[in-house]
Amino acid sequence: MDITTRQLVSTVLLGLTFEHVALAQTTESEIFVISADTPIVYVDKRSEGRNFMRLPALDYWFELAANCPADLEARTISLSVADTRKSFAANITADGETISIPIRIPAAQIGPIAVDGFCLVADEEETVRIPAVLSVQGSLLCANEEDSQMIYASKSLDVTLSCKTKQIDSATSPSQ
């Protein structure tokens, strides 16, 4: 059974906008799904008016579910977040099996984020989830001796900020 995805795409050419539909076809046996945890960053009390914050290195754990078409086998998986890339042999032995992969994103690869009015009082226990701070792009190479096919997936990556209270001593906190 084929699953067809339709996406409205706008193309600008010589100042004119053209709208068209892009079709992507996959079958139920072709699955490449990326899920990720959301790291927590503990933040020290901040000065009022300081809206931009640099984050420390972030550690993400990715769960990958991958299935190739029946006549092809999973060969390699590649993940890319910012300038960090990781490729490895798929080693998938059964349908529905998942793979867990940790990736550390260095602080230098993460742009500053805007957070207004967060953690201005040291004793408040405030948390906020910042959506789409980064994104991960992945590819799955499915192949046999005669043919190959790439399957792609992407996902936005969130971060949770938590105002550091006096009880937390050893947590990493971002520079302000």
Protein backbone atom coordinates (compact mmCIF):
# COMPACT_ATOMS: atom_id res chain seq x y z
CA MET A 1 0.00 0.00 0.00
CA ASP A 2 1.49 3.34 -1.03
CA ILE A 3 1.35 6.37 1.19
CA THR A 4 1.53 9.66 -0.71
CA THR A 5 2.44 12.93 0.97
CA ARG A 6 1.51 16.19 -0.70
CA GLN A 7 3.26 19.39 0.16
CA LEU A 8 2.53 22.84 -1.25
CA VAL A 9 5.80 24.38 -2.42
CA SER A 10 6.39 27.99 -3.44
CA THR A 11 9.15 28.70 -5.91
CA VAL A 12 10.36 32.23 -6.62
CA LEU A 13 11.90 32.74 -10.05
CA LEU A 14 12.76 36.20 -11.38
CA GLY A 15 10.54 37.80 -8.76
CA LEU A 16 7.49 35.67 -9.64
CA THR A 17 6.09 33.12 -7.21
CA PHE A 18 5.00 29.74 -8.56
CA GLU A 19 2.99 27.37 -6.38
CA HIS A 20 3.21 23.64 -7.07
CA VAL A 21 2.66 20.39 -5.23
CA ALA A 22 5.62 18.18 -4.36
CA LEU A 23 4.83 14.48 -4.01
CA ALA A 24 6.82 12.07 -1.89
CA GLN A 25 5.94 8.40 -2.11
CA THR A 26 6.89 5.79 0.44
CA THR A 27 5.48 2.40 1.28
CA GLU A 28 4.57 1.12 4.71
CA SER A 29 7.68 -1.09 4.65
CA GLU A 30 9.94 1.97 4.16
CA ILE A 31 10.17 3.61 7.55
CA PHE A 32 12.80 5.90 8.97
CA VAL A 33 11.68 7.67 12.14
CA ILE A 34 13.86 9.80 14.42
CA SER A 35 12.81 10.61 17.97
CA ALA A 36 14.89 12.52 20.52
CA ASP A 37 14.89 13.37 24.20
CA THR A 38 14.87 16.98 25.37
CA PRO A 39 17.91 17.99 27.42
CA ILE A 40 17.51 20.24 30.47
CA VAL A 41 19.80 23.23 30.94
CA TYR A 42 19.97 24.78 34.43
CA VAL A 43 20.15 28.58 34.32
CA ASP A 44 21.56 30.92 37.00
CA LYS A 45 19.66 34.07 38.00
CA ARG A 46 19.80 36.50 35.10
CA SER A 47 19.95 40.29 34.97
CA GLU A 48 16.85 42.04 33.75
CA GLY A 49 17.11 43.06 30.11
CA ARG A 50 19.41 40.16 29.20
CA ASN A 51 17.26 38.51 26.53
CA PHE A 52 19.89 36.45 24.68
CA MET A 53 21.50 33.39 26.17
CA ARG A 54 24.25 31.06 24.94
CA LEU A 55 23.71 27.40 25.72
CA PRO A 56 26.32 24.89 26.89
CA ALA A 57 27.05 21.71 24.91
CA LEU A 58 23.85 19.67 24.57
CA ASP A 59 23.61 15.88 24.83
CA TYR A 60 20.80 14.29 22.84
CA TRP A 61 19.76 10.63 22.76
CA PHE A 62 18.19 9.62 19.47
CA GLU A 63 15.93 6.59 18.95
CA LEU A 64 15.88 5.47 15.34
CA ALA A 65 13.30 3.12 13.83
CA ALA A 66 14.27 1.99 10.34
CA ASN A 67 12.84 -0.45 7.82
CA CYS A 68 13.88 -0.87 4.21
CA PRO A 69 11.78 -2.20 1.33
CA ALA A 70 11.53 -6.01 1.31
CA ASP A 71 14.22 -6.56 -1.37
CA LEU A 72 16.77 -4.18 0.23
CA GLU A 73 18.63 -4.27 3.53
CA ALA A 74 19.67 -1.40 5.79
CA ARG A 75 23.36 -0.60 5.25
CA THR A 76 24.21 2.75 6.86
CA ILE A 77 22.55 5.49 8.86
CA SER A 78 23.84 9.07 9.03
CA LEU A 79 22.71 11.80 11.42
CA SER A 80 23.61 15.48 11.23
CA VAL A 81 22.96 18.21 13.81
CA ALA A 82 24.53 21.63 13.18
CA ASP A 83 28.15 20.78 12.20
CA THR A 84 28.15 17.46 14.05
CA ARG A 85 27.81 14.33 11.93
CA LYS A 86 27.67 10.67 12.83
CA SER A 87 27.54 7.72 10.41
CA PHE A 88 27.45 4.06 11.31
CA ALA A 89 26.48 0.62 10.03
CA ALA A 90 22.75 0.10 10.40
CA ASN A 91 23.00 -3.35 12.09
CA ILE A 92 19.22 -3.76 12.08
CA THR A 93 18.26 -7.40 12.34
CA ALA A 94 14.47 -7.29 12.71
CA ASP A 95 11.57 -5.11 11.60
CA GLY A 96 10.56 -2.67 14.30
CA GLU A 97 13.94 -2.84 16.03
CA THR A 98 15.21 0.54 17.24
CA ILE A 99 18.71 1.91 17.62
CA SER A 100 19.76 4.36 20.37
CA ILE A 101 22.49 6.87 19.50
CA PRO A 102 23.93 9.62 21.73
CA ILE A 103 25.26 12.79 20.10
CA ARG A 104 26.90 15.74 21.88
CA ILE A 105 26.48 19.11 20.17
CA PRO A 106 29.31 21.51 21.15
CA ALA A 107 28.26 24.92 22.48
CA ALA A 108 30.11 26.66 19.64
CA GLN A 109 27.66 25.09 17.14
CA ILE A 110 24.55 26.44 18.90
CA GLY A 111 23.43 30.00 18.25
CA PRO A 112 22.20 32.26 21.06
CA ILE A 113 18.53 31.94 21.95
CA ALA A 114 16.16 34.74 22.94
CA VAL A 115 14.49 34.28 26.33
CA ASP A 116 12.62 37.26 27.74
CA GLY A 117 11.93 37.62 31.46
CA PHE A 118 13.14 34.14 32.43
CA CYS A 119 14.86 33.34 35.75
CA LEU A 120 15.04 36.89 37.11
CA VAL A 121 14.50 35.78 40.74
CA ALA A 122 16.98 33.16 42.04
CA ASP A 123 14.48 31.18 44.16
CA GLU A 124 11.75 30.78 41.55
CA GLU A 125 11.36 27.28 40.14
CA GLU A 126 10.52 28.15 36.58
CA THR A 127 10.96 25.98 33.50
CA VAL A 128 10.37 26.76 29.86
CA ARG A 129 10.64 24.56 26.79
CA ILE A 130 12.31 26.25 23.81
CA PRO A 131 11.18 24.60 20.56
CA ALA A 132 13.36 24.01 17.51
CA VAL A 133 16.68 25.25 18.90
CA LEU A 134 18.36 22.79 16.52
CA SER A 135 17.28 20.17 14.01
CA VAL A 136 18.53 16.71 13.11
CA GLN A 137 18.63 15.37 9.57
CA GLY A 138 19.04 11.67 8.99
CA SER A 139 19.49 9.33 6.06
CA LEU A 140 19.11 5.57 5.80
CA LEU A 141 20.86 3.73 2.96
CA CYS A 142 18.97 0.62 1.88
CA ALA A 143 20.74 -1.55 -0.70
CA ASN A 144 21.37 -4.94 -2.25
CA GLU A 145 23.89 -6.03 -4.92
CA GLU A 146 21.87 -4.43 -7.75
CA ASP A 147 20.00 -1.45 -6.32
CA SER A 148 20.09 1.18 -3.57
CA GLN A 149 17.69 3.70 -2.11
CA MET A 150 18.07 6.55 0.40
CA ILE A 151 15.30 7.34 2.87
CA TYR A 152 15.44 10.71 4.67
CA ALA A 153 13.96 12.04 7.90
CA SER A 154 14.30 15.20 9.97
CA LYS A 155 13.12 16.44 13.33
CA SER A 156 13.32 19.69 15.27
CA LEU A 157 15.15 19.50 18.60
CA ASP A 158 13.90 21.29 21.71
CA VAL A 159 15.66 22.35 24.92
CA THR A 160 14.15 22.80 28.37
CA LEU A 161 15.50 25.64 30.52
CA SER A 162 15.15 25.36 34.28
CA CYS A 163 15.90 28.17 36.69
CA LYS A 164 18.68 26.95 38.97
CA THR A 165 17.68 26.84 42.63
CA LYS A 166 20.07 26.82 45.59
CA GLN A 167 19.92 22.99 45.88
CA ILE A 168 21.51 22.42 42.45
CA ASP A 169 25.29 22.72 42.69
CA SER A 170 26.91 20.61 39.98
CA ALA A 171 24.69 21.34 36.96
CA THR A 172 26.14 23.00 33.90
CA SER A 173 24.73 26.45 33.33
CA PRO A 174 24.97 28.57 30.19
CA SER A 175 26.85 31.82 29.87
CA GLN A 176 24.62 34.85 29.74
